[in-house]
Every structure is written in C-alpha cells, then in structure tokens.
C-alpha cells in the first residue's frame, strides 16, 4: 500500500466502500465504528458470519451478521457509512484504517 500513502485516509475508505462490498471493505480496515462505538475486535467465523465486539462503558456489546446480511448491506454516500440490517434492526458501520505516526524528531537527534 505504499503508493496510497499520499491519499487522505477518508478518501481511501470512501473509494473502497463505494466500489466494493462490505466484506471487501472489512478486509482492508483496522477498526469499525458501529452505531457510534469504536470496535477493534471484529472477525469472521467458520460460517463467514461477522462478529463485532466492543465495550460500551462497562457493558460488552456484541453484534453478529450473517453472510446474507453483509451482502445486502448498502453504502450511504452522504453519511459515508454502511447500513446493515440484522435481526435487531439497522446498524451503521464505518470502516476505518489505522494511521501511524513517525517520531522523526527523536531519530534526528539520537546522537545529541
């Protein structure tokens, strides 16, 4: 992904979401924002069901989506998130890529 370094992350996520399926977008993200909650724990199980977990205060929240529900998910261009429907209703998913910073200042002054 070296050639993507010059693009803003929001643009990368939007391009992925607009051109592909939710499953493809999930393969290229490091974190989800589901219904406004940040989730680092998400995975596919043996039946290709998506499991998402995150803490909401002291409560562990868990969502499960079937392959059919993921295929039916739609991307809202205006709000820049996926809308996926489960047995408990509609949920909003944002795929987020992690960014890392380099502390160039320390490396420039290692011999100081």
PDB file of N, CA and C in Angstrom:
ATOM      1  N   UNK A   1       0.809  -1.198   0.000  1.00  0.00           N
ATOM      2  CA  UNK A   1       0.000   0.000   0.000  1.00  0.00           C
ATOM      3  C   UNK A   1       0.849   1.256   0.000  1.00  0.00           C
ATOM      4  N   UNK A   2       2.084   1.150  -0.355  1.00  0.00           N
ATOM      5  CA  UNK A   2       2.965   2.294  -0.326  1.00  0.00           C
ATOM      6  C   UNK A   2       2.503   3.428  -1.221  1.00  0.00           C
ATOM      7  N   UNK A   3       1.935   3.118  -2.373  1.00  0.00           N
ATOM      8  CA  UNK A   3       1.538   4.188  -3.277  1.00  0.00           C
ATOM      9  C   UNK A   3       0.298   4.917  -2.797  1.00  0.00           C
ATOM     10  N   UNK A   4      -0.404   4.396  -1.795  1.00  0.00           N
ATOM     11  CA  UNK A   4      -1.579   5.074  -1.247  1.00  0.00           C
ATOM     12  C   UNK A   4      -1.216   6.089  -0.176  1.00  0.00           C
ATOM     13  N   UNK A   5       0.043   6.160   0.204  1.00  0.00           N
ATOM     14  CA  UNK A   5       0.439   6.987   1.345  1.00  0.00           C
ATOM     15  C   UNK A   5       0.064   8.456   1.169  1.00  0.00           C
ATOM     16  N   UNK A   6       0.015   8.955  -0.050  1.00  0.00           N
ATOM     17  CA  UNK A   6      -0.269  10.372  -0.269  1.00  0.00           C
ATOM     18  C   UNK A   6      -1.761  10.696  -0.196  1.00  0.00           C
ATOM     19  N   UNK A   7      -2.636   9.689  -0.257  1.00  0.00           N
ATOM     20  CA  UNK A   7      -4.069   9.930  -0.223  1.00  0.00           C
ATOM     21  C   UNK A   7      -4.548  10.064   1.217  1.00  0.00           C
ATOM     22  N   UNK A   8      -5.504  10.957   1.466  1.00  0.00           N
ATOM     23  CA  UNK A   8      -6.102  11.032   2.808  1.00  0.00           C
ATOM     24  C   UNK A   8      -6.840   9.732   3.111  1.00  0.00           C
ATOM     25  N   UNK A   9      -6.808   9.293   4.352  1.00  0.00           N
ATOM     26  CA  UNK A   9      -7.460   8.046   4.736  1.00  0.00           C
ATOM     27  C   UNK A   9      -8.946   8.057   4.438  1.00  0.00           C
ATOM     28  N   UNK A  10      -9.628   9.194   4.634  1.00  0.00           N
ATOM     29  CA  UNK A  10     -11.059   9.230   4.374  1.00  0.00           C
ATOM     30  C   UNK A  10     -11.348   8.888   2.915  1.00  0.00           C
ATOM     31  N   UNK A  11     -10.494   9.347   2.026  1.00  0.00           N
ATOM     32  CA  UNK A  11     -10.705   9.081   0.609  1.00  0.00           C
ATOM     33  C   UNK A  11     -10.499   7.601   0.304  1.00  0.00           C
ATOM     34  N   UNK A  12      -9.501   6.981   0.905  1.00  0.00           N
ATOM     35  CA  UNK A  12      -9.279   5.555   0.686  1.00  0.00           C
ATOM     36  C   UNK A  12     -10.479   4.748   1.136  1.00  0.00           C
ATOM     37  N   UNK A  13     -11.003   5.074   2.304  1.00  0.00           N
ATOM     38  CA  UNK A  13     -12.136   4.334   2.839  1.00  0.00           C
ATOM     39  C   UNK A  13     -13.353   4.549   1.958  1.00  0.00           C
ATOM     40  N   UNK A  14     -13.591   5.786   1.536  1.00  0.00           N
ATOM     41  CA  UNK A  14     -14.736   6.065   0.680  1.00  0.00           C
ATOM     42  C   UNK A  14     -14.629   5.317  -0.638  1.00  0.00           C
ATOM     43  N   UNK A  15     -13.443   5.303  -1.244  1.00  0.00           N
ATOM     44  CA  UNK A  15     -13.282   4.616  -2.520  1.00  0.00           C
ATOM     45  C   UNK A  15     -13.530   3.127  -2.346  1.00  0.00           C
ATOM     46  N   UNK A  16     -13.032   2.539  -1.276  1.00  0.00           N
ATOM     47  CA  UNK A  16     -13.254   1.120  -1.028  1.00  0.00           C
ATOM     48  C   UNK A  16     -14.735   0.849  -0.853  1.00  0.00           C
ATOM     49  N   UNK A  17     -15.390   1.668  -0.052  1.00  0.00           N
ATOM     50  CA  UNK A  17     -16.789   1.443   0.241  1.00  0.00           C
ATOM     51  C   UNK A  17     -17.657   1.625  -0.995  1.00  0.00           C
ATOM     52  N   UNK A  18     -17.339   2.593  -1.834  1.00  0.00           N
ATOM     53  CA  UNK A  18     -18.173   2.858  -2.995  1.00  0.00           C
ATOM     54  C   UNK A  18     -18.029   1.793  -4.072  1.00  0.00           C
ATOM     55  N   UNK A  19     -16.863   1.198  -4.194  1.00  0.00           N
ATOM     56  CA  UNK A  19     -16.601   0.309  -5.311  1.00  0.00           C
ATOM     57  C   UNK A  19     -16.728  -1.167  -4.981  1.00  0.00           C
ATOM     58  N   UNK A  20     -16.849  -1.513  -3.733  1.00  0.00           N
ATOM     59  CA  UNK A  20     -16.802  -2.911  -3.364  1.00  0.00           C
ATOM     60  C   UNK A  20     -17.916  -3.266  -2.396  1.00  0.00           C
ATOM     61  N   UNK A  21     -17.870  -4.510  -1.959  1.00  0.00           N
ATOM     62  CA  UNK A  21     -18.840  -4.991  -0.988  1.00  0.00           C
ATOM     63  C   UNK A  21     -18.366  -4.665   0.419  1.00  0.00           C
ATOM     64  N   UNK A  22     -19.257  -4.806   1.360  1.00  0.00           N
ATOM     65  CA  UNK A  22     -18.891  -4.605   2.760  1.00  0.00           C
ATOM     66  C   UNK A  22     -17.801  -5.586   3.164  1.00  0.00           C
ATOM     67  N   UNK A  23     -17.889  -6.814   2.708  1.00  0.00           N
ATOM     68  CA  UNK A  23     -16.875  -7.811   3.050  1.00  0.00           C
ATOM     69  C   UNK A  23     -15.496  -7.362   2.585  1.00  0.00           C
ATOM     70  N   UNK A  24     -15.404  -6.843   1.379  1.00  0.00           N
ATOM     71  CA  UNK A  24     -14.114  -6.362   0.874  1.00  0.00           C
ATOM     72  C   UNK A  24     -13.630  -5.167   1.694  1.00  0.00           C
ATOM     73  N   UNK A  25     -14.521  -4.261   2.040  1.00  0.00           N
ATOM     74  CA  UNK A  25     -14.135  -3.109   2.858  1.00  0.00           C
ATOM     75  C   UNK A  25     -13.628  -3.560   4.224  1.00  0.00           C
ATOM     76  N   UNK A  26     -14.244  -4.594   4.796  1.00  0.00           N
ATOM     77  CA  UNK A  26     -13.816  -5.102   6.106  1.00  0.00           C
ATOM     78  C   UNK A  26     -12.417  -5.701   6.050  1.00  0.00           C
ATOM     79  N   UNK A  27     -12.079  -6.311   4.931  1.00  0.00           N
ATOM     80  CA  UNK A  27     -10.756  -6.923   4.786  1.00  0.00           C
ATOM     81  C   UNK A  27      -9.650  -5.880   4.811  1.00  0.00           C
ATOM     82  N   UNK A  28      -9.983  -4.637   4.522  1.00  0.00           N
ATOM     83  CA  UNK A  28      -8.978  -3.587   4.411  1.00  0.00           C
ATOM     84  C   UNK A  28      -9.099  -2.526   5.500  1.00  0.00           C
ATOM     85  N   UNK A  29      -9.791  -2.838   6.578  1.00  0.00           N
ATOM     86  CA  UNK A  29      -9.892  -1.850   7.653  1.00  0.00           C
ATOM     87  C   UNK A  29      -9.333  -2.423   8.949  1.00  0.00           C
ATOM     88  N   UNK A  30      -8.939  -1.527   9.827  1.00  0.00           N
ATOM     89  CA  UNK A  30      -8.330  -1.910  11.093  1.00  0.00           C
ATOM     90  C   UNK A  30      -9.277  -1.734  12.272  1.00  0.00           C
ATOM     91  N   UNK A  31     -10.301  -0.932  12.077  1.00  0.00           N
ATOM     92  CA  UNK A  31     -11.244  -0.650  13.151  1.00  0.00           C
ATOM     93  C   UNK A  31     -12.604  -0.368  12.529  1.00  0.00           C
ATOM     94  N   UNK A  32     -13.646  -0.685  13.277  1.00  0.00           N
ATOM     95  CA  UNK A  32     -15.009  -0.363  12.871  1.00  0.00           C
ATOM     96  C   UNK A  32     -15.597   0.644  13.843  1.00  0.00           C
ATOM     97  N   UNK A  33     -16.432   1.485  13.322  1.00  0.00           N
ATOM     98  CA  UNK A  33     -17.287   2.296  14.179  1.00  0.00           C
ATOM     99  C   UNK A  33     -18.690   1.785  13.904  1.00  0.00           C
ATOM    100  N   UNK A  34     -19.276   1.141  14.903  1.00  0.00           N
ATOM    101  CA  UNK A  34     -20.607   0.564  14.746  1.00  0.00           C
ATOM    102  C   UNK A  34     -21.569   1.308  15.665  1.00  0.00           C
ATOM    103  N   UNK A  35     -22.550   1.924  15.072  1.00  0.00           N
ATOM    104  CA  UNK A  35     -23.536   2.709  15.817  1.00  0.00           C
ATOM    105  C   UNK A  35     -22.860   3.704  16.760  1.00  0.00           C
ATOM    106  N   UNK A  36     -21.764   4.306  16.294  1.00  0.00           N
ATOM    107  CA  UNK A  36     -21.057   5.320  17.066  1.00  0.00           C
ATOM    108  C   UNK A  36     -20.042   4.786  18.058  1.00  0.00           C
ATOM    109  N   UNK A  37     -19.893   3.465  18.181  1.00  0.00           N
ATOM    110  CA  UNK A  37     -18.941   2.863  19.116  1.00  0.00           C
ATOM    111  C   UNK A  37     -17.733   2.339  18.353  1.00  0.00           C
ATOM    112  N   UNK A  38     -16.534   2.569  18.877  1.00  0.00           N
ATOM    113  CA  UNK A  38     -15.298   2.117  18.237  1.00  0.00           C
ATOM    114  C   UNK A  38     -15.026   0.664  18.595  1.00  0.00           C
ATOM    115  N   UNK A  39     -14.868  -0.176  17.574  1.00  0.00           N
ATOM    116  CA  UNK A  39     -14.649  -1.608  17.791  1.00  0.00           C
ATOM    117  C   UNK A  39     -13.376  -2.056  17.084  1.00  0.00           C
ATOM    118  N   UNK A  40     -12.432  -2.551  17.886  1.00  0.00           N
ATOM    119  CA  UNK A  40     -11.205  -3.100  17.323  1.00  0.00           C
ATOM    120  C   UNK A  40     -11.320  -4.609  17.146  1.00  0.00           C
ATOM    121  N   UNK A  41     -12.281  -5.221  17.828  1.00  0.00           N
ATOM    122  CA  UNK A  41     -12.460  -6.669  17.782  1.00  0.00           C
ATOM    123  C   UNK A  41     -13.583  -7.022  16.813  1.00  0.00           C
ATOM    124  N   UNK A  42     -13.200  -7.498  15.643  1.00  0.00           N
ATOM    125  CA  UNK A  42     -14.187  -7.988  14.685  1.00  0.00           C
ATOM    126  C   UNK A  42     -13.540  -9.078  13.860  1.00  0.00           C
ATOM    127  N   UNK A  43     -14.335 -10.090  13.516  1.00  0.00           N
ATOM    128  CA  UNK A  43     -13.779 -11.231  12.781  1.00  0.00           C
ATOM    129  C   UNK A  43     -14.897 -12.011  12.103  1.00  0.00           C
ATOM    130  N   UNK A  44     -14.488 -12.842  11.160  1.00  0.00           N
ATOM    131  CA  UNK A  44     -15.403 -13.776  10.511  1.00  0.00           C
ATOM    132  C   UNK A  44     -15.198 -15.149  11.128  1.00  0.00           C
ATOM    133  N   UNK A  45     -16.287 -15.858  11.390  1.00  0.00           N
ATOM    134  CA  UNK A  45     -16.161 -17.212  11.921  1.00  0.00           C
ATOM    135  C   UNK A  45     -16.167 -18.230  10.786  1.00  0.00           C
ATOM    136  N   UNK A  46     -16.248 -19.507  11.134  1.00  0.00           N
ATOM    137  CA  UNK A  46     -16.189 -20.579  10.131  1.00  0.00           C
ATOM    138  C   UNK A  46     -17.346 -20.520   9.136  1.00  0.00           C
ATOM    139  N   UNK A  47     -18.481 -19.961   9.552  1.00  0.00           N
ATOM    140  CA  UNK A  47     -19.649 -19.835   8.668  1.00  0.00           C
ATOM    141  C   UNK A  47     -19.675 -18.482   7.963  1.00  0.00           C
ATOM    142  N   UNK A  48     -18.562 -17.750   8.003  1.00  0.00           N
ATOM    143  CA  UNK A  48     -18.452 -16.417   7.398  1.00  0.00           C
ATOM    144  C   UNK A  48     -19.431 -15.409   7.989  1.00  0.00           C
ATOM    145  N   UNK A  49     -19.776 -15.591   9.256  1.00  0.00           N
ATOM    146  CA  UNK A  49     -20.576 -14.600   9.958  1.00  0.00           C
ATOM    147  C   UNK A  49     -19.629 -13.575  10.577  1.00  0.00           C
ATOM    148  N   UNK A  50     -20.008 -12.322  10.484  1.00  0.00           N
ATOM    149  CA  UNK A  50     -19.213 -11.252  11.064  1.00  0.00           C
ATOM    150  C   UNK A  50     -19.590 -11.083  12.526  1.00  0.00           C
ATOM    151  N   UNK A  51     -18.578 -11.103  13.396  1.00  0.00           N
ATOM    152  CA  UNK A  51     -18.765 -10.857  14.823  1.00  0.00           C
ATOM    153  C   UNK A  51     -18.029  -9.573  15.180  1.00  0.00           C
ATOM    154  N   UNK A  52     -18.712  -8.683  15.872  1.00  0.00           N
ATOM    155  CA  UNK A  52     -18.128  -7.410  16.297  1.00  0.00           C
ATOM    156  C   UNK A  52     -18.348  -7.287  17.801  1.00  0.00           C
ATOM    157  N   UNK A  53     -17.275  -6.936  18.527  1.00  0.00           N
ATOM    158  CA  UNK A  53     -17.373  -6.720  19.970  1.00  0.00           C
ATOM    159  C   UNK A  53     -16.715  -5.402  20.342  1.00  0.00           C
ATOM    160  N   UNK A  54     -17.300  -4.718  21.308  1.00  0.00           N
ATOM    161  CA  UNK A  54     -16.671  -3.525  21.873  1.00  0.00           C
ATOM    162  C   UNK A  54     -17.293  -3.235  23.229  1.00  0.00           C
ATOM    163  N   UNK A  55     -16.591  -2.446  24.000  1.00  0.00           N
ATOM    164  CA  UNK A  55     -17.085  -2.041  25.316  1.00  0.00           C
ATOM    165  C   UNK A  55     -17.877  -0.744  25.178  1.00  0.00           C
ATOM    166  N   UNK A  56     -19.016  -0.726  25.812  1.00  0.00           N
ATOM    167  CA  UNK A  56     -19.851   0.468  25.899  1.00  0.00           C
ATOM    168  C   UNK A  56     -19.972   0.782  27.387  1.00  0.00           C
ATOM    169  N   UNK A  57     -19.022   1.575  27.878  1.00  0.00           N
ATOM    170  CA  UNK A  57     -18.927   1.773  29.324  1.00  0.00           C
ATOM    171  C   UNK A  57     -18.431   0.489  29.956  1.00  0.00           C
ATOM    172  N   UNK A  58     -19.231  -0.115  30.807  1.00  0.00           N
ATOM    173  CA  UNK A  58     -18.874  -1.396  31.440  1.00  0.00           C
ATOM    174  C   UNK A  58     -19.551  -2.583  30.775  1.00  0.00           C
ATOM    175  N   UNK A  59     -20.295  -2.321  29.736  1.00  0.00           N
ATOM    176  CA  UNK A  59     -21.061  -3.370  29.065  1.00  0.00           C
ATOM    177  C   UNK A  59     -20.356  -3.823  27.797  1.00  0.00           C
ATOM    178  N   UNK A  60     -20.186  -5.130  27.652  1.00  0.00           N
ATOM    179  CA  UNK A  60     -19.625  -5.688  26.425  1.00  0.00           C
ATOM    180  C   UNK A  60     -20.753  -5.821  25.408  1.00  0.00           C
ATOM    181  N   UNK A  61     -20.619  -5.115  24.312  1.00  0.00           N
ATOM    182  CA  UNK A  61     -21.609  -5.177  23.232  1.00  0.00           C
ATOM    183  C   UNK A  61     -21.134  -6.186  22.197  1.00  0.00           C
ATOM    184  N   UNK A  62     -22.065  -6.933  21.620  1.00  0.00           N
ATOM    185  CA  UNK A  62     -21.715  -7.932  20.610  1.00  0.00           C
ATOM    186  C   UNK A  62     -22.766  -7.919  19.507  1.00  0.00           C
ATOM    187  N   UNK A  63     -22.306  -7.917  18.264  1.00  0.00           N
ATOM    188  CA  UNK A  63     -23.185  -7.985  17.101  1.00  0.00           C
ATOM    189  C   UNK A  63     -22.742  -9.155  16.243  1.00  0.00           C
ATOM    190  N   UNK A  64     -23.707  -9.790  15.582  1.00  0.00           N
ATOM    191  CA  UNK A  64     -23.411 -10.876  14.655  1.00  0.00           C
ATOM    192  C   UNK A  64     -24.215 -10.628  13.387  1.00  0.00           C
ATOM    193  N   UNK A  65     -23.525 -10.732  12.253  1.00  0.00           N
ATOM    194  CA  UNK A  65     -24.174 -10.529  10.959  1.00  0.00           C
ATOM    195  C   UNK A  65     -23.898 -11.733  10.075  1.00  0.00           C
ATOM    196  N   UNK A  66     -24.914 -12.202   9.396  1.00  0.00           N
ATOM    197  CA  UNK A  66     -24.787 -13.356   8.509  1.00  0.00           C
ATOM    198  C   UNK A  66     -24.196 -12.920   7.168  1.00  0.00           C
ATOM    199  N   UNK A  67     -23.700 -13.884   6.383  1.00  0.00           N
ATOM    200  CA  UNK A  67     -23.212 -13.529   5.045  1.00  0.00           C
ATOM    201  C   UNK A  67     -24.291 -12.851   4.191  1.00  0.00           C
ATOM    202  N   UNK A  68     -25.522 -13.300   4.301  1.00  0.00           N
ATOM    203  CA  UNK A  68     -26.622 -12.695   3.541  1.00  0.00           C
ATOM    204  C   UNK A  68     -26.837 -11.242   3.950  1.00  0.00           C
ATOM    205  N   UNK A  69     -26.770 -10.969   5.242  1.00  0.00           N
ATOM    206  CA  UNK A  69     -26.931  -9.596   5.721  1.00  0.00           C
ATOM    207  C   UNK A  69     -25.785  -8.711   5.241  1.00  0.00           C
ATOM    208  N   UNK A  70     -24.566  -9.260   5.217  1.00  0.00           N
ATOM    209  CA  UNK A  70     -23.418  -8.475   4.739  1.00  0.00           C
ATOM    210  C   UNK A  70     -23.538  -8.190   3.248  1.00  0.00           C
ATOM    211  N   UNK A  71     -24.015  -9.167   2.472  1.00  0.00           N
ATOM    212  CA  UNK A  71     -24.184  -8.953   1.031  1.00  0.00           C
ATOM    213  C   UNK A  71     -25.266  -7.922   0.743  1.00  0.00           C
ATOM    214  N   UNK A  72     -26.259  -7.836   1.609  1.00  0.00           N
ATOM    215  CA  UNK A  72     -27.363  -6.894   1.409  1.00  0.00           C
ATOM    216  C   UNK A  72     -27.042  -5.492   1.930  1.00  0.00           C
ATOM    217  N   UNK A  73     -25.918  -5.327   2.609  1.00  0.00           N
ATOM    218  CA  UNK A  73     -25.549  -4.018   3.165  1.00  0.00           C
ATOM    219  C   UNK A  73     -25.380  -3.003   2.042  1.00  0.00           C
ATOM    220  N   UNK A  74     -25.777  -1.774   2.320  1.00  0.00           N
ATOM    221  CA  UNK A  74     -25.660  -0.699   1.333  1.00  0.00           C
ATOM    222  C   UNK A  74     -24.785   0.415   1.899  1.00  0.00           C
ATOM    223  N   UNK A  75     -24.119   1.130   1.000  1.00  0.00           N
ATOM    224  CA  UNK A  75     -23.261   2.225   1.419  1.00  0.00           C
ATOM    225  C   UNK A  75     -23.981   3.542   1.219  1.00  0.00           C
ATOM    226  N   UNK A  76     -24.057   4.346   2.267  1.00  0.00           N
ATOM    227  CA  UNK A  76     -24.666   5.669   2.204  1.00  0.00           C
ATOM    228  C   UNK A  76     -23.568   6.670   1.857  1.00  0.00           C
ATOM    229  N   UNK A  77     -23.591   7.173   0.630  1.00  0.00           N
ATOM    230  CA  UNK A  77     -22.540   8.087   0.162  1.00  0.00           C
ATOM    231  C   UNK A  77     -22.524   9.393   0.949  1.00  0.00           C
ATOM    232  N   UNK A  78     -23.681   9.893   1.297  1.00  0.00           N
ATOM    233  CA  UNK A  78     -23.757  11.175   2.005  1.00  0.00           C
ATOM    234  C   UNK A  78     -23.183  11.074   3.417  1.00  0.00           C
ATOM    235  N   UNK A  79     -23.499   9.993   4.120  1.00  0.00           N
ATOM    236  CA  UNK A  79     -23.046   9.833   5.505  1.00  0.00           C
ATOM    237  C   UNK A  79     -21.749   9.034   5.614  1.00  0.00           C
ATOM    238  N   UNK A  80     -21.312   8.463   4.494  1.00  0.00           N
ATOM    239  CA  UNK A  80     -20.049   7.723   4.410  1.00  0.00           C
ATOM    240  C   UNK A  80     -19.980   6.549   5.384  1.00  0.00           C
ATOM    241  N   UNK A  81     -21.087   5.781   5.433  1.00  0.00           N
ATOM    242  CA  UNK A  81     -21.059   4.563   6.228  1.00  0.00           C
ATOM    243  C   UNK A  81     -21.955   3.503   5.590  1.00  0.00           C
ATOM    244  N   UNK A  82     -21.714   2.275   6.015  1.00  0.00           N
ATOM    245  CA  UNK A  82     -22.508   1.149   5.555  1.00  0.00           C
ATOM    246  C   UNK A  82     -23.738   1.017   6.437  1.00  0.00           C
ATOM    247  N   UNK A  83     -24.846   0.621   5.840  1.00  0.00           N
ATOM    248  CA  UNK A  83     -26.064   0.321   6.586  1.00  0.00           C
ATOM    249  C   UNK A  83     -26.309  -1.172   6.427  1.00  0.00           C
ATOM    250  N   UNK A  84     -26.320  -1.866   7.555  1.00  0.00           N
ATOM    251  CA  UNK A  84     -26.531  -3.311   7.541  1.00  0.00           C
ATOM    252  C   UNK A  84     -27.684  -3.620   8.489  1.00  0.00           C
ATOM    253  N   UNK A  85     -28.551  -4.515   8.067  1.00  0.00           N
ATOM    254  CA  UNK A  85     -29.720  -4.867   8.856  1.00  0.00           C
ATOM    255  C   UNK A  85     -29.529  -6.246   9.460  1.00  0.00           C
ATOM    256  N   UNK A  86     -29.748  -6.329  10.769  1.00  0.00           N
ATOM    257  CA  UNK A  86     -29.691  -7.621  11.459  1.00  0.00           C
ATOM    258  C   UNK A  86     -31.061  -7.892  12.067  1.00  0.00           C
ATOM    259  N   UNK A  87     -31.153  -8.960  12.839  1.00  0.00           N
ATOM    260  CA  UNK A  87     -32.420  -9.290  13.492  1.00  0.00           C
ATOM    261  C   UNK A  87     -32.851  -8.202  14.475  1.00  0.00           C
ATOM    262  N   UNK A  88     -31.884  -7.426  14.972  1.00  0.00           N
ATOM    263  CA  UNK A  88     -32.200  -6.380  15.952  1.00  0.00           C
ATOM    264  C   UNK A  88     -32.405  -5.006  15.312  1.00  0.00           C
ATOM    265  N   UNK A  89     -32.351  -4.916  13.982  1.00  0.00           N
ATOM    266  CA  UNK A  89     -32.592  -3.642  13.308  1.00  0.00           C
ATOM    267  C   UNK A  89     -31.424  -3.184  12.458  1.00  0.00           C
ATOM    268  N   UNK A  90     -31.460  -1.918  12.055  1.00  0.00           N
ATOM    269  CA  UNK A  90     -30.407  -1.339  11.222  1.00  0.00           C
ATOM    270  C   UNK A  90     -29.225  -0.890  12.074  1.00  0.00           C
ATOM    271  N   UNK A  91     -28.025  -1.081  11.519  1.00  0.00           N
ATOM    272  CA  UNK A  91     -26.796  -0.653  12.179  1.00  0.00           C
ATOM    273  C   UNK A  91     -25.953   0.102  11.167  1.00  0.00           C
ATOM    274  N   UNK A  92     -25.175   1.055  11.666  1.00  0.00           N
ATOM    275  CA  UNK A  92     -24.297   1.853  10.810  1.00  0.00           C
ATOM    276  C   UNK A  92     -22.862   1.455  11.083  1.00  0.00           C
ATOM    277  N   UNK A  93     -22.145   1.074  10.017  1.00  0.00           N
ATOM    278  CA  UNK A  93     -20.752   0.651  10.124  1.00  0.00           C
ATOM    279  C   UNK A  93     -19.866   1.593   9.330  1.00  0.00           C
ATOM    280  N   UNK A  94     -18.806   2.056   9.960  1.00  0.00           N
ATOM    281  CA  UNK A  94     -17.770   2.817   9.266  1.00  0.00           C
ATOM    282  C   UNK A  94     -16.489   2.008   9.339  1.00  0.00           C
ATOM    283  N   UNK A  95     -15.854   1.806   8.204  1.00  0.00           N
ATOM    284  CA  UNK A  95     -14.574   1.106   8.154  1.00  0.00           C
ATOM    285  C   UNK A  95     -13.465   2.147   8.248  1.00  0.00           C
ATOM    286  N   UNK A  96     -12.566   1.949   9.196  1.00  0.00           N
ATOM    287  CA  UNK A  96     -11.510   2.918   9.457  1.00  0.00           C
ATOM    288  C   UNK A  96     -10.161   2.231   9.336  1.00  0.00           C
ATOM    289  N   UNK A  97      -9.247   2.892   8.655  1.00  0.00           N
ATOM    290  CA  UNK A  97      -7.881   2.388   8.551  1.00  0.00           C
ATOM    291  C   UNK A  97      -7.032   3.057   9.612  1.00  0.00           C
ATOM    292  N   UNK A  98      -6.150   2.288  10.209  1.00  0.00           N
ATOM    293  CA  UNK A  98      -5.262   2.837  11.236  1.00  0.00           C
ATOM    294  C   UNK A  98      -4.198   3.706  10.582  1.00  0.00           C
ATOM    295  N   UNK A  99      -3.821   4.729  11.296  1.00  0.00           N
ATOM    296  CA  UNK A  99      -2.715   5.566  10.851  1.00  0.00           C
ATOM    297  C   UNK A  99      -1.624   5.485  11.899  1.00  0.00           C
ATOM    298  N   UNK A 100      -0.413   5.598  11.454  1.00  0.00           N
ATOM    299  CA  UNK A 100       0.696   5.592  12.406  1.00  0.00           C
ATOM    300  C   UNK A 100       1.570   6.791  12.126  1.00  0.00           C
ATOM    301  N   UNK A 101       2.092   7.336  13.176  1.00  0.00           N
ATOM    302  CA  UNK A 101       2.974   8.484  13.040  1.00  0.00           C
ATOM    303  C   UNK A 101       4.404   8.073  13.310  1.00  0.00           C
ATOM    304  N   UNK A 102       5.303   8.762  12.699  1.00  0.00           N
ATOM    305  CA  UNK A 102       6.717   8.519  12.925  1.00  0.00           C
ATOM    306  C   UNK A 102       7.258   9.687  13.728  1.00  0.00           C
ATOM    307  N   UNK A 103       8.019   9.376  14.737  1.00  0.00           N
ATOM    308  CA  UNK A 103       8.622  10.413  15.557  1.00  0.00           C
ATOM    309  C   UNK A 103       9.989  10.731  14.990  1.00  0.00           C
ATOM    310  N   UNK A 104       9.992  11.474  13.877  1.00  0.00           N
ATOM    311  CA  UNK A 104      11.242  11.807  13.194  1.00  0.00           C
ATOM    312  C   UNK A 104      12.139  12.686  14.052  1.00  0.00           C
ATOM    313  N   UNK A 105      11.536  13.438  14.954  1.00  0.00           N
ATOM    314  CA  UNK A 105      12.324  14.339  15.788  1.00  0.00           C
ATOM    315  C   UNK A 105      13.329  13.564  16.637  1.00  0.00           C
ATOM    316  N   UNK A 106      12.905  12.431  17.229  1.00  0.00           N
ATOM    317  CA  UNK A 106      13.817  11.633  18.046  1.00  0.00           C
ATOM    318  C   UNK A 106      14.919  11.005  17.219  1.00  0.00           C
ATOM    319  N   UNK A 107      14.601  10.524  16.022  1.00  0.00           N
ATOM    320  CA  UNK A 107      15.616   9.869  15.203  1.00  0.00           C
ATOM    321  C   UNK A 107      16.640  10.867  14.672  1.00  0.00           C
ATOM    322  N   UNK A 108      16.243  12.127  14.502  1.00  0.00           N
ATOM    323  CA  UNK A 108      17.184  13.144  14.031  1.00  0.00           C
ATOM    324  C   UNK A 108      18.191  13.534  15.101  1.00  0.00           C
ATOM    325  N   UNK A 109      17.817  13.336  16.360  1.00  0.00           N
ATOM    326  CA  UNK A 109      18.662  13.797  17.457  1.00  0.00           C
ATOM    327  C   UNK A 109      19.155  12.645  18.325  1.00  0.00           C
ATOM    328  N   UNK A 110      19.335  11.460  17.742  1.00  0.00           N
ATOM    329  CA  UNK A 110      19.775  10.316  18.526  1.00  0.00           C
ATOM    330  C   UNK A 110      21.162  10.513  19.113  1.00  0.00           C
ATOM    331  N   UNK A 111      22.044  11.209  18.403  1.00  0.00           N
ATOM    332  CA  UNK A 111      23.409  11.386  18.878  1.00  0.00           C
ATOM    333  C   UNK A 111      23.565  12.613  19.773  1.00  0.00           C
ATOM    334  N   UNK A 112      22.483  13.313  20.042  1.00  0.00           N
ATOM    335  CA  UNK A 112      22.565  14.530  20.869  1.00  0.00           C
ATOM    336  C   UNK A 112      22.662  14.187  22.336  1.00  0.00           C
TER     337      UNK A 112
END
